[in-house]
N, C-alpha and C. Protein backbone atom coordinates (compact mmCIF):
# COMPACT_ATOMS: atom_id res chain seq x y z
N MET A 1 0.88 -1.14 -0.02
CA MET A 1 0.09 0.07 0.03
C MET A 1 0.88 1.23 -0.03
N SER A 2 0.59 2.21 -0.90
CA SER A 2 1.44 3.41 -0.97
C SER A 2 0.90 4.39 0.18
N GLU A 3 1.90 5.24 0.42
CA GLU A 3 1.53 6.30 1.52
C GLU A 3 0.60 7.39 0.90
N PRO A 4 -0.17 8.00 1.73
CA PRO A 4 -0.99 9.19 1.36
C PRO A 4 -0.01 10.33 0.87
N ARG A 5 -0.61 11.13 -0.02
CA ARG A 5 0.09 12.30 -0.54
C ARG A 5 -0.61 13.53 -0.08
N ILE A 6 -0.02 14.58 0.27
CA ILE A 6 -0.56 15.82 0.56
C ILE A 6 -0.42 16.88 -0.57
N PHE A 7 -1.56 17.44 -0.99
CA PHE A 7 -1.54 18.57 -1.98
C PHE A 7 -1.90 19.87 -1.31
N ILE A 8 -1.14 20.84 -1.51
CA ILE A 8 -1.41 22.15 -1.00
C ILE A 8 -1.82 23.17 -1.98
N ASP A 9 -2.99 23.69 -1.91
CA ASP A 9 -3.50 24.78 -2.73
C ASP A 9 -2.82 26.03 -2.20
N ALA A 10 -1.58 26.33 -2.76
CA ALA A 10 -0.55 27.11 -2.02
C ALA A 10 -0.62 28.62 -2.12
N ASP A 11 -1.30 29.19 -3.11
CA ASP A 11 -1.26 30.61 -3.35
C ASP A 11 -1.60 31.46 -2.18
N ALA A 12 -2.57 31.11 -1.31
CA ALA A 12 -2.89 31.89 -0.14
C ALA A 12 -2.93 30.97 1.10
N CYS A 13 -2.14 29.91 1.16
CA CYS A 13 -2.15 29.03 2.20
C CYS A 13 -1.24 29.43 3.43
N PRO A 14 -1.78 29.68 4.56
CA PRO A 14 -0.99 30.07 5.75
C PRO A 14 -0.28 29.08 6.52
N VAL A 15 -0.53 27.65 6.16
CA VAL A 15 -0.09 26.62 7.00
C VAL A 15 0.90 25.69 6.24
N LYS A 16 1.60 26.27 5.27
CA LYS A 16 2.49 25.39 4.55
C LYS A 16 3.54 24.83 5.48
N ASP A 17 4.16 25.63 6.43
CA ASP A 17 5.14 25.05 7.22
C ASP A 17 4.62 23.99 8.18
N GLU A 18 3.38 23.98 8.58
CA GLU A 18 2.82 23.02 9.40
C GLU A 18 2.73 21.76 8.57
N VAL A 19 2.30 21.90 7.30
CA VAL A 19 2.16 20.72 6.45
C VAL A 19 3.56 20.03 6.33
N TYR A 20 4.54 20.81 6.11
CA TYR A 20 5.90 20.26 5.98
C TYR A 20 6.34 19.49 7.33
N ARG A 21 5.98 20.02 8.40
CA ARG A 21 6.42 19.32 9.71
C ARG A 21 5.64 18.03 9.84
N VAL A 22 4.45 17.96 9.65
CA VAL A 22 3.60 16.77 9.64
C VAL A 22 4.10 15.72 8.64
N ALA A 23 4.32 16.26 7.45
CA ALA A 23 4.74 15.36 6.39
C ALA A 23 6.06 14.76 6.61
N ALA A 24 7.02 15.50 7.22
CA ALA A 24 8.30 14.97 7.54
C ALA A 24 8.19 13.83 8.65
N ARG A 25 7.30 14.04 9.60
CA ARG A 25 7.15 13.12 10.63
C ARG A 25 6.62 11.77 10.15
N TYR A 26 5.73 11.83 9.07
CA TYR A 26 5.22 10.63 8.64
C TYR A 26 5.85 10.19 7.28
N SER A 27 6.84 10.91 6.76
CA SER A 27 7.57 10.59 5.55
C SER A 27 6.53 10.54 4.28
N LEU A 28 5.85 11.68 4.25
CA LEU A 28 4.88 11.70 3.06
C LEU A 28 5.37 12.74 2.03
N ARG A 29 4.82 12.54 0.83
CA ARG A 29 5.19 13.38 -0.27
C ARG A 29 4.15 14.52 -0.22
N VAL A 30 4.75 15.79 -0.58
CA VAL A 30 3.89 16.98 -0.54
C VAL A 30 4.04 17.67 -1.93
N PHE A 31 2.84 18.09 -2.47
CA PHE A 31 2.84 18.75 -3.69
C PHE A 31 2.35 20.22 -3.30
N VAL A 32 3.18 21.22 -3.64
CA VAL A 32 2.85 22.71 -3.32
C VAL A 32 2.56 23.29 -4.74
N VAL A 33 1.20 23.45 -4.94
CA VAL A 33 0.72 23.85 -6.28
C VAL A 33 0.28 25.31 -6.24
N SER A 34 0.78 26.07 -7.16
CA SER A 34 0.51 27.51 -7.26
C SER A 34 0.70 28.01 -8.58
N ASN A 35 0.22 29.26 -8.92
CA ASN A 35 0.53 29.86 -10.26
C ASN A 35 1.46 30.95 -10.08
N ALA A 36 2.10 31.07 -8.96
CA ALA A 36 3.14 32.07 -8.74
C ALA A 36 4.30 31.32 -7.89
N PHE A 37 5.52 31.85 -7.98
CA PHE A 37 6.53 31.18 -7.22
C PHE A 37 6.27 31.25 -5.70
N VAL A 38 6.46 30.08 -5.12
CA VAL A 38 6.32 29.87 -3.70
C VAL A 38 7.60 29.21 -3.17
N ASN A 39 8.14 29.91 -2.27
CA ASN A 39 9.41 29.33 -1.71
C ASN A 39 9.13 28.11 -0.83
N THR A 40 9.85 26.99 -1.10
CA THR A 40 9.63 25.74 -0.39
C THR A 40 10.92 25.24 0.09
N PRO A 41 10.90 24.45 1.18
CA PRO A 41 12.26 23.81 1.60
C PRO A 41 12.77 22.94 0.45
N ARG A 42 13.99 22.77 0.38
CA ARG A 42 14.67 21.91 -0.57
C ARG A 42 14.71 20.51 0.00
N GLU A 43 13.69 19.85 -0.06
CA GLU A 43 13.56 18.38 0.28
C GLU A 43 13.08 17.55 -0.80
N SER A 44 13.57 16.34 -0.94
CA SER A 44 13.17 15.45 -2.01
C SER A 44 11.72 15.08 -1.95
N TRP A 45 11.16 15.21 -0.80
CA TRP A 45 9.69 14.68 -0.71
C TRP A 45 8.80 15.95 -0.88
N ILE A 46 9.28 17.15 -1.11
CA ILE A 46 8.48 18.25 -1.44
C ILE A 46 8.55 18.64 -2.90
N GLU A 47 7.52 18.67 -3.65
CA GLU A 47 7.62 19.06 -5.06
C GLU A 47 6.80 20.35 -5.32
N ARG A 48 7.51 21.32 -5.76
CA ARG A 48 6.79 22.56 -6.00
C ARG A 48 6.23 22.46 -7.45
N VAL A 49 5.01 22.78 -7.65
CA VAL A 49 4.37 22.62 -8.98
C VAL A 49 3.88 24.04 -9.37
N LEU A 50 4.51 24.57 -10.32
CA LEU A 50 4.19 25.93 -10.84
C LEU A 50 3.18 25.71 -12.09
N VAL A 51 1.99 26.11 -12.00
CA VAL A 51 1.09 25.98 -13.10
C VAL A 51 0.88 27.34 -13.74
N ASP A 52 0.37 27.24 -14.98
CA ASP A 52 0.01 28.55 -15.75
C ASP A 52 -0.91 29.35 -14.99
N ALA A 53 -0.89 30.66 -15.23
CA ALA A 53 -1.87 31.62 -14.60
C ALA A 53 -3.23 31.34 -15.24
N GLY A 54 -4.27 31.63 -14.53
CA GLY A 54 -5.59 31.43 -15.10
C GLY A 54 -6.52 30.84 -14.00
N PRO A 55 -7.81 31.10 -14.23
CA PRO A 55 -8.77 30.68 -13.31
C PRO A 55 -8.75 29.06 -13.12
N ASP A 56 -8.63 28.58 -11.97
CA ASP A 56 -8.87 27.24 -11.66
C ASP A 56 -7.74 26.33 -12.19
N VAL A 57 -6.65 26.80 -12.79
CA VAL A 57 -5.56 26.00 -13.26
C VAL A 57 -4.92 25.14 -12.17
N ALA A 58 -4.56 25.84 -10.98
CA ALA A 58 -4.00 24.98 -9.83
C ALA A 58 -5.01 24.05 -9.38
N ASP A 59 -6.24 24.45 -9.24
CA ASP A 59 -7.37 23.57 -8.77
C ASP A 59 -7.41 22.38 -9.71
N ASP A 60 -7.44 22.62 -10.95
CA ASP A 60 -7.49 21.46 -11.92
C ASP A 60 -6.37 20.46 -11.72
N TRP A 61 -5.16 20.99 -11.49
CA TRP A 61 -3.93 20.14 -11.40
C TRP A 61 -4.16 19.22 -10.17
N ILE A 62 -4.58 19.80 -9.02
CA ILE A 62 -4.81 19.04 -7.82
C ILE A 62 -5.96 18.04 -8.00
N ALA A 63 -7.08 18.53 -8.52
CA ALA A 63 -8.27 17.71 -8.58
C ALA A 63 -8.07 16.48 -9.58
N GLU A 64 -7.27 16.61 -10.61
CA GLU A 64 -6.97 15.51 -11.52
C GLU A 64 -5.97 14.56 -10.92
N ARG A 65 -5.38 14.77 -9.82
CA ARG A 65 -4.33 13.90 -9.18
C ARG A 65 -4.71 13.29 -7.86
N ALA A 66 -5.50 14.11 -7.05
CA ALA A 66 -5.89 13.70 -5.71
C ALA A 66 -6.87 12.53 -5.76
N GLY A 67 -6.65 11.60 -4.94
CA GLY A 67 -7.64 10.47 -4.90
C GLY A 67 -7.76 9.73 -3.50
N PRO A 68 -8.25 8.65 -3.47
CA PRO A 68 -8.45 7.92 -2.15
C PRO A 68 -7.10 7.86 -1.35
N GLY A 69 -7.18 8.19 -0.18
CA GLY A 69 -5.95 8.23 0.67
C GLY A 69 -5.16 9.46 0.63
N ASP A 70 -5.42 10.42 -0.23
CA ASP A 70 -4.75 11.70 -0.26
C ASP A 70 -5.36 12.71 0.56
N ILE A 71 -4.60 13.81 0.83
CA ILE A 71 -5.19 14.90 1.66
C ILE A 71 -4.95 16.14 0.92
N VAL A 72 -5.90 17.00 0.73
CA VAL A 72 -5.84 18.30 0.07
C VAL A 72 -6.06 19.48 1.12
N VAL A 73 -5.12 20.42 1.20
CA VAL A 73 -5.28 21.58 2.02
C VAL A 73 -5.60 22.72 1.14
N THR A 74 -6.92 23.20 1.38
CA THR A 74 -7.46 24.24 0.51
C THR A 74 -8.58 24.94 1.26
N SER A 75 -8.81 26.19 0.93
CA SER A 75 -9.98 26.89 1.36
C SER A 75 -10.96 27.07 0.23
N ASP A 76 -10.57 26.54 -0.88
CA ASP A 76 -11.40 26.70 -2.07
C ASP A 76 -12.51 25.57 -2.03
N ILE A 77 -13.75 26.06 -1.85
CA ILE A 77 -14.96 25.10 -1.70
C ILE A 77 -15.14 24.26 -2.89
N PRO A 78 -15.17 24.85 -4.19
CA PRO A 78 -15.34 23.91 -5.31
C PRO A 78 -14.22 22.87 -5.48
N LEU A 79 -12.96 23.24 -5.19
CA LEU A 79 -11.86 22.35 -5.27
C LEU A 79 -12.07 21.22 -4.21
N ALA A 80 -12.47 21.60 -2.96
CA ALA A 80 -12.70 20.60 -1.93
C ALA A 80 -13.77 19.57 -2.39
N ASP A 81 -14.81 20.14 -3.00
CA ASP A 81 -15.91 19.28 -3.46
C ASP A 81 -15.45 18.29 -4.45
N ARG A 82 -14.59 18.70 -5.42
CA ARG A 82 -14.11 17.80 -6.46
C ARG A 82 -13.11 16.75 -5.83
N CYS A 83 -12.41 17.14 -4.81
CA CYS A 83 -11.44 16.21 -4.18
C CYS A 83 -12.22 15.17 -3.37
N LEU A 84 -13.27 15.65 -2.59
CA LEU A 84 -14.07 14.74 -1.87
C LEU A 84 -14.77 13.71 -2.79
N LYS A 85 -15.21 14.14 -3.86
CA LYS A 85 -15.83 13.28 -4.88
C LYS A 85 -14.85 12.20 -5.47
N ALA A 86 -13.49 12.56 -5.43
CA ALA A 86 -12.51 11.68 -6.05
C ALA A 86 -12.00 10.75 -4.79
N GLY A 87 -12.51 10.97 -3.61
CA GLY A 87 -12.11 10.05 -2.43
C GLY A 87 -11.07 10.62 -1.61
N ALA A 88 -10.55 11.80 -1.84
CA ALA A 88 -9.58 12.46 -1.00
C ALA A 88 -10.20 13.13 0.19
N GLN A 89 -9.41 13.55 1.19
CA GLN A 89 -9.87 14.34 2.28
C GLN A 89 -9.46 15.81 1.93
N ALA A 90 -10.28 16.72 2.39
CA ALA A 90 -9.93 18.05 2.16
C ALA A 90 -10.04 18.80 3.55
N LEU A 91 -9.00 19.69 3.78
CA LEU A 91 -8.94 20.40 5.03
C LEU A 91 -8.78 21.85 4.79
N LYS A 92 -9.40 22.72 5.54
CA LYS A 92 -9.18 24.25 5.53
C LYS A 92 -7.95 24.37 6.35
N SER A 93 -7.47 25.63 6.13
CA SER A 93 -6.18 25.95 7.01
C SER A 93 -6.41 26.14 8.38
N ASN A 94 -7.66 26.27 8.82
CA ASN A 94 -8.00 26.41 10.22
C ASN A 94 -8.30 24.93 10.93
N GLY A 95 -8.05 23.94 10.07
CA GLY A 95 -8.19 22.54 10.57
C GLY A 95 -9.70 22.06 10.27
N GLN A 96 -10.58 22.82 9.88
CA GLN A 96 -11.95 22.28 9.67
C GLN A 96 -11.94 21.48 8.44
N PRO A 97 -12.42 20.24 8.58
CA PRO A 97 -12.44 19.43 7.43
C PRO A 97 -13.66 19.63 6.51
N PHE A 98 -13.57 19.61 5.19
CA PHE A 98 -14.71 19.53 4.39
C PHE A 98 -15.20 18.02 4.41
N THR A 99 -16.53 17.74 4.52
CA THR A 99 -16.95 16.43 4.54
C THR A 99 -18.08 16.32 3.56
N ALA A 100 -18.42 15.00 3.26
CA ALA A 100 -19.65 14.85 2.37
C ALA A 100 -20.89 15.52 2.95
N ASP A 101 -20.98 15.51 4.32
CA ASP A 101 -22.16 16.15 4.90
C ASP A 101 -22.11 17.70 4.85
N SER A 102 -20.93 18.31 4.88
CA SER A 102 -20.88 19.73 4.97
C SER A 102 -20.62 20.44 3.64
N ILE A 103 -20.27 19.70 2.68
CA ILE A 103 -19.86 20.40 1.40
C ILE A 103 -21.07 20.96 0.74
N GLY A 104 -22.26 20.40 0.84
CA GLY A 104 -23.33 21.04 0.09
C GLY A 104 -23.69 22.37 0.66
N SER A 105 -23.79 22.49 2.00
CA SER A 105 -24.09 23.78 2.54
C SER A 105 -22.97 24.78 2.37
N ALA A 106 -21.66 24.31 2.27
CA ALA A 106 -20.55 25.20 2.00
C ALA A 106 -20.73 25.76 0.56
N LEU A 107 -21.04 24.99 -0.33
CA LEU A 107 -21.26 25.39 -1.76
C LEU A 107 -22.42 26.34 -1.82
N ALA A 108 -23.49 26.07 -1.12
CA ALA A 108 -24.65 26.88 -1.18
C ALA A 108 -24.31 28.30 -0.56
N GLY A 109 -23.68 28.33 0.57
CA GLY A 109 -23.27 29.59 1.24
C GLY A 109 -22.33 30.36 0.32
N ARG A 110 -21.48 29.70 -0.41
CA ARG A 110 -20.64 30.43 -1.35
C ARG A 110 -21.34 31.04 -2.48
N GLU A 111 -22.46 30.34 -2.94
CA GLU A 111 -23.28 30.96 -4.10
C GLU A 111 -24.10 32.10 -3.55
N ILE A 112 -24.51 32.03 -2.33
CA ILE A 112 -25.29 33.14 -1.74
C ILE A 112 -24.40 34.38 -1.54
N GLY A 113 -23.14 34.19 -1.06
CA GLY A 113 -22.27 35.27 -0.98
C GLY A 113 -21.85 35.88 -2.23
N GLU A 114 -21.68 35.01 -3.26
CA GLU A 114 -21.34 35.55 -4.61
C GLU A 114 -22.58 36.47 -5.07
N HIS A 115 -23.77 35.94 -4.88
CA HIS A 115 -24.93 36.66 -5.39
C HIS A 115 -25.03 37.95 -4.74
N LEU A 116 -24.85 38.00 -3.34
CA LEU A 116 -24.94 39.21 -2.62
C LEU A 116 -23.90 40.25 -2.99
N ARG A 117 -22.68 39.81 -3.23
CA ARG A 117 -21.56 40.66 -3.66
C ARG A 117 -21.97 41.16 -5.09
N SER A 118 -22.59 40.40 -5.92
CA SER A 118 -22.83 40.82 -7.25
C SER A 118 -23.88 42.00 -7.29
N MET A 119 -24.68 41.91 -6.22
CA MET A 119 -25.73 43.03 -6.10
C MET A 119 -25.19 44.26 -5.26
N GLY A 120 -23.87 44.19 -4.93
CA GLY A 120 -23.27 45.38 -4.32
C GLY A 120 -23.31 45.22 -2.72
N VAL A 121 -23.80 44.21 -2.23
CA VAL A 121 -23.91 44.10 -0.76
C VAL A 121 -22.54 43.69 -0.16
N ALA A 122 -22.03 44.53 0.82
CA ALA A 122 -20.76 44.14 1.42
C ALA A 122 -20.87 42.88 2.34
N THR A 123 -20.04 41.86 2.07
CA THR A 123 -20.04 40.77 2.90
C THR A 123 -18.69 40.62 3.71
N SER A 124 -18.76 39.91 4.73
CA SER A 124 -17.57 39.88 5.60
C SER A 124 -16.68 38.64 5.05
N GLY A 125 -15.37 38.84 5.14
CA GLY A 125 -14.58 37.68 4.81
C GLY A 125 -14.34 36.75 5.89
N PRO A 126 -13.40 35.81 5.78
CA PRO A 126 -13.18 34.96 6.85
C PRO A 126 -12.52 35.67 8.12
N PRO A 127 -12.76 35.12 9.29
CA PRO A 127 -12.13 35.78 10.42
C PRO A 127 -10.63 35.74 10.36
N PRO A 128 -9.95 36.62 11.06
CA PRO A 128 -8.50 36.58 11.02
C PRO A 128 -7.90 35.24 11.42
N PHE A 129 -6.87 34.90 10.85
CA PHE A 129 -6.13 33.60 11.08
C PHE A 129 -5.29 33.82 12.28
N GLY A 130 -5.35 32.91 13.33
CA GLY A 130 -4.56 33.11 14.47
C GLY A 130 -3.96 31.78 14.98
N PRO A 131 -3.18 31.88 16.15
CA PRO A 131 -2.51 30.80 16.69
C PRO A 131 -3.44 29.57 17.04
N LYS A 132 -4.62 29.88 17.43
CA LYS A 132 -5.53 28.70 17.74
C LYS A 132 -5.84 27.96 16.40
N ASP A 133 -6.00 28.71 15.26
CA ASP A 133 -6.25 28.09 13.99
C ASP A 133 -5.08 27.18 13.55
N ARG A 134 -3.88 27.76 13.78
CA ARG A 134 -2.63 26.92 13.39
C ARG A 134 -2.64 25.60 14.22
N SER A 135 -2.85 25.77 15.53
CA SER A 135 -2.83 24.58 16.40
C SER A 135 -3.99 23.53 15.99
N ALA A 136 -5.13 24.07 15.65
CA ALA A 136 -6.22 23.18 15.28
C ALA A 136 -5.89 22.43 13.90
N PHE A 137 -5.28 23.32 13.01
CA PHE A 137 -4.84 22.64 11.78
C PHE A 137 -3.94 21.49 12.01
N LEU A 138 -2.87 21.67 12.90
CA LEU A 138 -1.96 20.58 13.06
C LEU A 138 -2.53 19.31 13.59
N GLN A 139 -3.45 19.58 14.44
CA GLN A 139 -4.22 18.41 15.12
C GLN A 139 -5.08 17.72 13.97
N ALA A 140 -5.75 18.60 13.27
CA ALA A 140 -6.60 18.01 12.16
C ALA A 140 -5.87 17.23 11.09
N LEU A 141 -4.67 17.78 10.68
CA LEU A 141 -3.82 17.22 9.61
C LEU A 141 -3.27 15.83 10.20
N ASP A 142 -2.85 15.83 11.46
CA ASP A 142 -2.48 14.63 12.04
C ASP A 142 -3.52 13.45 12.04
N ARG A 143 -4.77 13.93 12.42
CA ARG A 143 -5.82 12.93 12.38
C ARG A 143 -6.10 12.49 10.84
N ALA A 144 -6.04 13.44 9.98
CA ALA A 144 -6.28 13.13 8.53
C ALA A 144 -5.30 12.13 8.05
N VAL A 145 -4.04 12.33 8.50
CA VAL A 145 -2.90 11.38 7.95
C VAL A 145 -3.20 9.95 8.55
N VAL A 146 -3.58 9.92 9.76
CA VAL A 146 -3.90 8.57 10.41
C VAL A 146 -5.03 7.95 9.65
N MET A 147 -6.09 8.71 9.34
CA MET A 147 -7.20 8.14 8.65
C MET A 147 -6.75 7.77 7.22
N ALA A 148 -5.99 8.53 6.48
CA ALA A 148 -5.62 8.28 5.17
C ALA A 148 -4.69 7.10 4.97
N ARG A 149 -3.89 6.77 6.08
CA ARG A 149 -3.15 5.65 6.00
C ARG A 149 -3.99 4.28 6.09
N ARG A 150 -5.08 4.38 6.46
CA ARG A 150 -6.04 3.28 6.50
C ARG A 150 -6.81 2.96 5.21
N VAL A 151 -6.68 3.94 4.30
CA VAL A 151 -7.56 3.81 2.97
C VAL A 151 -6.64 2.97 2.06
N PRO A 152 -7.12 1.99 1.46
CA PRO A 152 -6.56 1.19 0.47
C PRO A 152 -6.28 2.04 -0.80
N ARG A 153 -5.10 2.07 -1.37
CA ARG A 153 -4.83 2.84 -2.49
C ARG A 153 -4.54 1.87 -3.75
């Protein structure tokens, strides 16, 4: 059985260093996917993937490769949905997992927010990212790796 892989939707991800720490502990391969240069540690198990600029290009690269037993770190709800449908786990940077039970309401909330913004209504963004979020993410990623290692690949 092969080990889980971790895919980072990296352009605005605040927990890349935490992913590297957990991946090093479990000897997992990490793909850091972005459409702009992202500095990464020079480790054989970390692969920086630079994709062309454009809407959803990084998301498409991740979604085409992530599957059962893999973990995707993203705040992008449509990407999380695609990855869940492919059998991967998806985690937000605050440690909150996207699940089959929660993704529908997340997609609906996203649509409502887009509709309100298109009408000129000011909507609030996500709350500020803090130390508690970082800690929650580390714990959630550790749990996700344990679960992912149980999935046949």
